[in-house]
N, C-alpha and C. Protein backbone atom coordinates (compact mmCIF):
# COMPACT_ATOMS: atom_id res chain seq x y z
N MET A 1 -6.39 10.08 11.96
CA MET A 1 -6.44 7.81 11.92
C MET A 1 -5.16 7.69 10.82
N THR A 2 -4.44 6.60 10.95
CA THR A 2 -3.46 6.30 9.98
C THR A 2 -3.53 5.08 9.71
N ILE A 3 -2.84 4.82 8.73
CA ILE A 3 -2.77 3.15 8.07
C ILE A 3 -2.96 2.39 9.06
N SER A 4 -2.03 2.54 10.53
CA SER A 4 -1.66 1.60 11.23
C SER A 4 -2.92 1.16 12.41
N ASP A 5 -4.07 2.13 12.00
CA ASP A 5 -5.34 2.19 12.83
C ASP A 5 -6.04 1.16 11.91
N LEU A 6 -5.85 0.99 10.81
CA LEU A 6 -6.78 0.05 10.01
C LEU A 6 -6.02 -1.54 9.71
N ILE A 7 -7.93 -2.35 9.53
CA ILE A 7 -7.50 -3.74 9.41
C ILE A 7 -8.23 -3.80 8.01
N PHE A 8 -7.60 -4.63 6.92
CA PHE A 8 -8.80 -4.38 5.65
C PHE A 8 -9.04 -6.29 5.43
N ILE A 9 -10.18 -6.24 5.11
CA ILE A 9 -11.08 -7.44 4.71
C ILE A 9 -11.43 -7.17 3.26
N GLY A 10 -11.08 -8.18 2.76
CA GLY A 10 -11.77 -8.67 1.06
C GLY A 10 -12.72 -9.49 1.48
N LEU A 11 -13.84 -9.00 0.80
CA LEU A 11 -15.64 -9.68 1.03
C LEU A 11 -15.65 -10.24 -0.71
N PRO A 12 -16.71 -11.05 -0.66
CA PRO A 12 -16.88 -10.83 -2.10
C PRO A 12 -17.71 -9.38 -2.31
N LYS A 13 -17.05 -9.06 -3.47
CA LYS A 13 -17.68 -7.64 -4.05
C LYS A 13 -17.51 -6.74 -3.12
N THR A 14 -17.14 -6.74 -2.11
CA THR A 14 -16.60 -5.41 -0.80
C THR A 14 -15.20 -5.33 -0.64
N ILE A 15 -14.85 -4.36 -0.41
CA ILE A 15 -13.48 -4.68 0.26
C ILE A 15 -14.06 -3.00 1.64
N ALA A 16 -13.22 -3.74 2.72
CA ALA A 16 -13.72 -2.46 4.31
C ALA A 16 -12.80 -2.35 4.71
N ALA A 17 -12.89 -1.27 5.31
CA ALA A 17 -11.53 -0.98 6.19
C ALA A 17 -11.99 -1.14 7.63
N ILE A 18 -11.68 -1.75 8.68
CA ILE A 18 -12.33 -1.63 9.88
C ILE A 18 -11.25 -0.96 10.91
N HIS A 19 -11.75 -0.17 12.07
CA HIS A 19 -10.81 0.31 12.73
C HIS A 19 -10.37 -0.92 13.67
N ARG A 20 -8.69 -0.88 13.83
CA ARG A 20 -8.22 -2.17 14.83
C ARG A 20 -8.80 -1.99 16.40
N ASP A 21 -8.93 -1.30 16.44
CA ASP A 21 -9.58 -1.18 18.40
C ASP A 21 -10.90 -1.27 18.45
N THR A 22 -11.86 -0.39 17.65
CA THR A 22 -12.92 -0.32 17.77
C THR A 22 -14.16 -1.27 17.24
N GLY A 23 -13.34 -2.07 16.07
CA GLY A 23 -14.31 -2.41 15.11
C GLY A 23 -15.13 -2.00 13.78
N GLN A 24 -15.14 -0.83 14.16
CA GLN A 24 -15.80 -0.22 13.42
C GLN A 24 -15.47 0.09 11.94
N THR A 25 -16.51 0.28 11.06
CA THR A 25 -16.01 0.18 9.84
C THR A 25 -15.90 1.26 9.05
N VAL A 26 -14.73 1.74 9.06
CA VAL A 26 -14.43 2.99 8.20
C VAL A 26 -14.71 3.54 7.14
N TRP A 27 -14.60 2.80 5.89
CA TRP A 27 -15.23 2.50 4.77
C TRP A 27 -14.98 1.55 4.00
N THR A 28 -16.21 1.41 2.97
CA THR A 28 -16.24 0.45 2.26
C THR A 28 -15.89 0.45 0.15
N GLN A 29 -16.05 -0.26 0.00
CA GLN A 29 -15.58 -0.26 -1.69
C GLN A 29 -16.61 -1.20 -2.04
N SER A 30 -17.01 -1.02 -3.00
CA SER A 30 -17.63 -2.11 -4.02
C SER A 30 -17.25 -2.24 -4.94
N LEU A 31 -16.57 -3.54 -5.03
CA LEU A 31 -15.77 -3.98 -6.93
C LEU A 31 -16.21 -5.12 -7.07
N LYS A 32 -15.65 -5.86 -7.84
CA LYS A 32 -16.25 -7.13 -8.94
C LYS A 32 -16.47 -7.94 -7.88
N ARG A 33 -17.49 -8.97 -8.11
CA ARG A 33 -17.50 -9.98 -7.38
C ARG A 33 -16.50 -11.25 -7.32
N GLY A 34 -15.90 -11.83 -6.37
CA GLY A 34 -15.10 -12.96 -6.18
C GLY A 34 -14.10 -12.43 -4.98
N TYR A 35 -13.20 -13.79 -5.12
CA TYR A 35 -12.49 -13.51 -4.08
C TYR A 35 -11.43 -12.58 -3.64
N ALA A 36 -10.87 -11.50 -2.83
CA ALA A 36 -10.04 -10.81 -3.21
C ALA A 36 -9.19 -11.06 -2.45
N THR A 37 -7.68 -10.94 -3.50
CA THR A 37 -6.48 -10.73 -2.67
C THR A 37 -6.20 -9.16 -2.27
N LEU A 38 -5.17 -9.17 -1.29
CA LEU A 38 -4.95 -7.84 -0.57
C LEU A 38 -3.67 -7.76 -0.57
N LEU A 39 -3.24 -5.93 -0.82
CA LEU A 39 -1.58 -5.99 -0.41
C LEU A 39 -2.01 -4.55 -0.19
N LEU A 40 -1.24 -4.37 1.11
CA LEU A 40 -1.17 -3.17 1.67
C LEU A 40 0.37 -2.60 1.23
N ASP A 41 0.53 -1.99 0.41
CA ASP A 41 1.56 -1.44 -0.45
C ASP A 41 2.31 0.16 -0.06
N GLY A 42 2.78 0.11 1.00
CA GLY A 42 2.72 1.53 1.92
C GLY A 42 1.87 2.45 1.49
N ASP A 43 1.70 3.51 0.99
CA ASP A 43 0.24 4.06 1.46
C ASP A 43 -1.00 3.70 0.41
N ARG A 44 -0.99 2.40 -0.37
CA ARG A 44 -1.43 2.36 -1.58
C ARG A 44 -2.06 1.09 -1.17
N LEU A 45 -3.89 0.82 -1.34
CA LEU A 45 -3.97 -0.47 -1.17
C LEU A 45 -4.41 -1.43 -2.16
N ILE A 46 -3.41 -2.23 -2.80
CA ILE A 46 -3.93 -2.99 -3.52
C ILE A 46 -5.07 -4.29 -3.66
N VAL A 47 -5.38 -4.34 -4.71
CA VAL A 47 -6.97 -5.34 -4.28
C VAL A 47 -6.95 -6.03 -5.74
N SER A 48 -6.86 -7.47 -5.90
CA SER A 48 -6.77 -7.87 -7.43
C SER A 48 -8.21 -9.18 -7.15
N ILE A 49 -8.84 -9.37 -8.20
CA ILE A 49 -10.17 -9.92 -8.04
C ILE A 49 -10.53 -10.52 -9.36
N ASN A 50 -10.24 -11.63 -9.65
CA ASN A 50 -10.49 -12.34 -10.77
C ASN A 50 -10.15 -11.81 -11.92
N GLY A 51 -8.63 -11.55 -12.08
CA GLY A 51 -7.94 -11.06 -12.70
C GLY A 51 -8.30 -9.36 -13.14
N TYR A 52 -8.74 -8.75 -12.27
CA TYR A 52 -8.45 -7.47 -12.07
C TYR A 52 -8.00 -6.69 -11.06
N VAL A 53 -7.45 -5.19 -11.26
CA VAL A 53 -6.45 -5.00 -10.02
C VAL A 53 -6.98 -3.60 -10.07
N TRP A 54 -7.18 -3.29 -8.86
CA TRP A 54 -7.68 -1.37 -8.34
C TRP A 54 -6.61 -1.34 -7.28
N CYS A 55 -6.15 0.10 -7.20
CA CYS A 55 -4.98 0.81 -6.55
C CYS A 55 -6.15 1.76 -5.60
N LEU A 56 -6.57 1.47 -4.38
CA LEU A 56 -7.38 2.57 -3.41
C LEU A 56 -6.61 2.60 -2.43
N ASN A 57 -7.09 4.20 -1.76
CA ASN A 57 -6.46 5.12 -0.63
C ASN A 57 -6.47 4.25 0.36
N PRO A 58 -5.85 3.76 0.72
CA PRO A 58 -6.24 2.99 2.09
C PRO A 58 -6.70 3.77 3.52
N LEU A 59 -6.45 4.96 3.63
CA LEU A 59 -7.60 5.67 4.53
C LEU A 59 -8.88 6.05 4.23
N THR A 60 -9.16 6.13 3.10
CA THR A 60 -10.08 6.59 2.11
C THR A 60 -11.28 5.30 1.75
N GLY A 61 -10.63 4.57 1.24
CA GLY A 61 -11.25 4.06 0.09
C GLY A 61 -11.11 3.93 -1.54
N GLU A 62 -11.02 5.57 -1.52
CA GLU A 62 -11.02 6.22 -2.94
C GLU A 62 -10.17 5.32 -3.68
N LEU A 63 -10.76 5.26 -5.03
CA LEU A 63 -10.50 4.64 -6.04
C LEU A 63 -9.15 5.04 -6.94
N LEU A 64 -8.04 5.05 -7.03
CA LEU A 64 -7.00 5.99 -7.27
C LEU A 64 -6.59 5.25 -8.85
N TRP A 65 -6.87 4.06 -8.94
CA TRP A 65 -6.76 3.55 -10.42
C TRP A 65 -7.20 2.20 -10.76
N HIS A 66 -7.36 1.63 -11.72
CA HIS A 66 -7.70 0.16 -12.24
C HIS A 66 -7.18 -0.36 -13.36
N ASN A 67 -6.97 -1.40 -13.28
CA ASN A 67 -6.35 -1.84 -14.52
C ASN A 67 -7.01 -3.43 -14.65
N PRO A 68 -7.86 -3.95 -15.84
CA PRO A 68 -7.97 -5.06 -16.13
C PRO A 68 -6.98 -6.04 -16.44
N LEU A 69 -6.30 -6.04 -16.82
CA LEU A 69 -5.07 -6.79 -16.99
C LEU A 69 -5.53 -7.88 -18.19
N THR A 70 -6.18 -7.32 -18.73
CA THR A 70 -7.10 -8.05 -20.09
C THR A 70 -5.95 -8.94 -20.77
N GLY A 71 -6.36 -9.76 -20.82
CA GLY A 71 -6.00 -11.23 -21.45
C GLY A 71 -4.89 -12.03 -21.03
N MET A 72 -4.72 -11.67 -19.49
CA MET A 72 -3.84 -11.84 -18.40
C MET A 72 -4.50 -13.07 -17.83
N GLY A 73 -5.45 -13.68 -17.73
CA GLY A 73 -6.04 -14.94 -17.05
C GLY A 73 -6.95 -14.27 -15.52
N MET A 74 -7.56 -15.24 -15.14
CA MET A 74 -8.65 -14.98 -14.12
C MET A 74 -7.89 -15.58 -12.95
N GLY A 75 -8.99 -15.67 -11.79
CA GLY A 75 -8.69 -16.41 -10.50
C GLY A 75 -7.94 -15.81 -9.62
N VAL A 76 -7.23 -16.22 -8.68
CA VAL A 76 -6.67 -15.35 -7.41
C VAL A 76 -5.47 -15.38 -8.12
N ALA A 77 -4.91 -14.13 -7.88
CA ALA A 77 -3.66 -13.56 -8.04
C ALA A 77 -2.41 -13.81 -6.75
N SER A 78 -1.34 -13.60 -7.10
CA SER A 78 -0.12 -13.61 -5.65
C SER A 78 0.07 -12.05 -6.30
N ILE A 79 0.21 -11.19 -4.71
CA ILE A 79 0.76 -10.03 -5.18
C ILE A 79 1.76 -9.48 -4.29
N THR A 80 3.01 -9.09 -4.65
CA THR A 80 4.11 -8.80 -3.70
C THR A 80 4.62 -7.32 -4.36
N SER A 81 5.25 -6.82 -3.13
CA SER A 81 5.87 -5.29 -3.41
C SER A 81 7.21 -5.14 -2.61
N VAL A 82 8.17 -4.07 -2.83
CA VAL A 82 9.28 -4.13 -2.00
C VAL A 82 8.37 -3.12 -0.65
N ARG A 83 7.44 -2.40 -1.39
CA ARG A 83 6.69 -1.13 0.13
C ARG A 83 5.77 -2.70 0.80
N GLY A 84 5.25 -3.16 0.53
CA GLY A 84 4.17 -4.46 1.18
C GLY A 84 4.71 -4.43 2.53
N GLY A 85 3.72 -4.18 3.31
CA GLY A 85 3.94 -4.39 4.96
C GLY A 85 4.39 -3.53 5.10
N LYS A 86 4.98 -2.39 4.67
CA LYS A 86 5.19 -1.09 5.07
C LYS A 86 4.33 0.05 5.36
N SER A 87 3.98 0.70 6.36
CA SER A 87 3.42 1.93 6.48
C SER A 87 4.02 2.93 6.09
N SER A 88 3.26 3.86 5.80
CA SER A 88 3.83 5.15 4.99
C SER A 88 4.76 5.59 6.00
N ASP A 89 3.99 5.82 7.29
CA ASP A 89 5.27 6.21 8.45
C ASP A 89 6.35 5.44 8.43
N ASP A 90 6.77 4.15 8.04
CA ASP A 90 7.70 3.53 7.96
C ASP A 90 8.80 4.30 6.53
N LEU A 91 8.06 4.01 5.57
CA LEU A 91 8.58 4.88 3.96
C LEU A 91 9.28 5.96 4.91
N LEU A 92 8.52 6.97 5.04
CA LEU A 92 9.04 8.58 5.19
C LEU A 92 10.17 8.38 6.32
N LEU A 93 10.24 7.36 7.43
CA LEU A 93 11.29 7.37 7.98
C LEU A 93 12.57 6.61 7.52
N GLU A 94 12.70 5.93 6.62
CA GLU A 94 13.56 5.10 5.61
C GLU A 94 13.82 6.33 4.78
N SER A 95 13.12 6.96 3.99
CA SER A 95 13.33 8.12 3.28
C SER A 95 13.79 9.19 3.99
N ALA A 96 13.48 9.97 5.10
CA ALA A 96 14.38 10.82 6.05
C ALA A 96 15.84 10.22 6.23
N GLN A 97 16.09 8.93 6.77
CA GLN A 97 17.31 8.02 6.93
C GLN A 97 18.34 8.39 6.07
N SER A 98 17.83 7.80 4.79
CA SER A 98 18.19 7.98 3.50
C SER A 98 18.97 9.00 3.46
N ALA A 99 18.22 10.41 3.42
CA ALA A 99 18.45 11.65 3.23
C ALA A 99 19.65 12.21 4.17
N ASP A 100 19.69 11.67 5.35
CA ASP A 100 20.26 11.91 6.38
C ASP A 100 22.05 11.30 6.15
N ASP A 101 21.63 10.27 5.63
CA ASP A 101 23.19 9.24 5.34
C ASP A 101 23.83 9.97 4.21
N SER A 102 22.85 10.05 3.26
CA SER A 102 23.56 10.71 1.99
C SER A 102 24.30 12.25 2.51
N ALA A 103 23.39 13.01 2.98
CA ALA A 103 24.10 14.55 3.62
C ALA A 103 25.65 13.92 4.00
N ALA A 104 25.54 12.92 5.19
CA ALA A 104 26.72 12.94 5.99
C ALA A 104 27.90 12.27 5.04
N ASN A 105 27.33 11.55 4.18
CA ASN A 105 28.26 11.03 3.59
C ASN A 105 28.97 12.15 2.27
N SER A 106 28.15 13.28 1.86
CA SER A 106 28.45 14.14 0.98
C SER A 106 29.51 15.02 1.61
N ALA A 107 29.07 15.29 3.16
CA ALA A 107 29.85 15.92 3.69
C ALA A 107 31.22 15.36 4.59
N HIS A 108 31.30 14.32 4.08
CA HIS A 108 32.58 13.23 4.87
C HIS A 108 33.50 14.02 3.86
N HIS A 109 33.04 12.74 2.44
CA HIS A 109 33.89 12.92 1.13
C HIS A 109 33.84 14.41 0.74
N GLY A 110 33.26 15.72 1.20
CA GLY A 110 33.57 17.02 0.72
C GLY A 110 34.92 17.52 1.62
N SER A 111 34.89 17.08 2.83
CA SER A 111 35.90 17.66 3.68
C SER A 111 37.44 16.70 3.40
N THR A 112 37.08 15.42 3.01
CA THR A 112 38.60 14.59 2.59
C THR A 112 39.21 15.00 1.11
N HIS A 113 38.46 15.92 0.28
CA HIS A 113 39.09 16.25 -0.90
C HIS A 113 40.32 17.36 -1.08
N GLY A 114 40.68 17.39 -0.24
CA GLY A 114 42.05 18.63 -0.51
C GLY A 114 43.10 18.22 0.56
N THR A 115 43.05 17.51 1.15
CA THR A 115 43.93 16.65 1.71
C THR A 115 44.54 15.65 1.34
C-alpha cells in the first residue's frame, strides 16, 4: 500500500486513514478533542487541533512527534509546506531528477575546463 491509496479524515478526537478504493479503515489515531486541520506533507501527516500539532506516519498512524505550541493560541490552524500535496513517490522522483541534473551539469562543466 502507498500513501496515494489512502484518504485522511479528521474527526473530533480521531484521525483515520481510509483506503480510497475499498473504504476500509486502515488505521485510526486518537488525539485531542476538537476540529482537526490536516496536511499531507510528503511522507508525514501533520495534524493540528486546538493549538497542538502532531506528526504521524501516514501509512501506519504511528506518532512521530508532538508539539503543544505552548502559549501560541488555540483554534483552527492554517498549515502549509513546500512538500504539501506531494507523495513520497513524487519527492523521490524529484530527488532522482535533481541528482541526474547535477551529474549531467558536472560532466558538462568538467569537459569544458581544458578547452
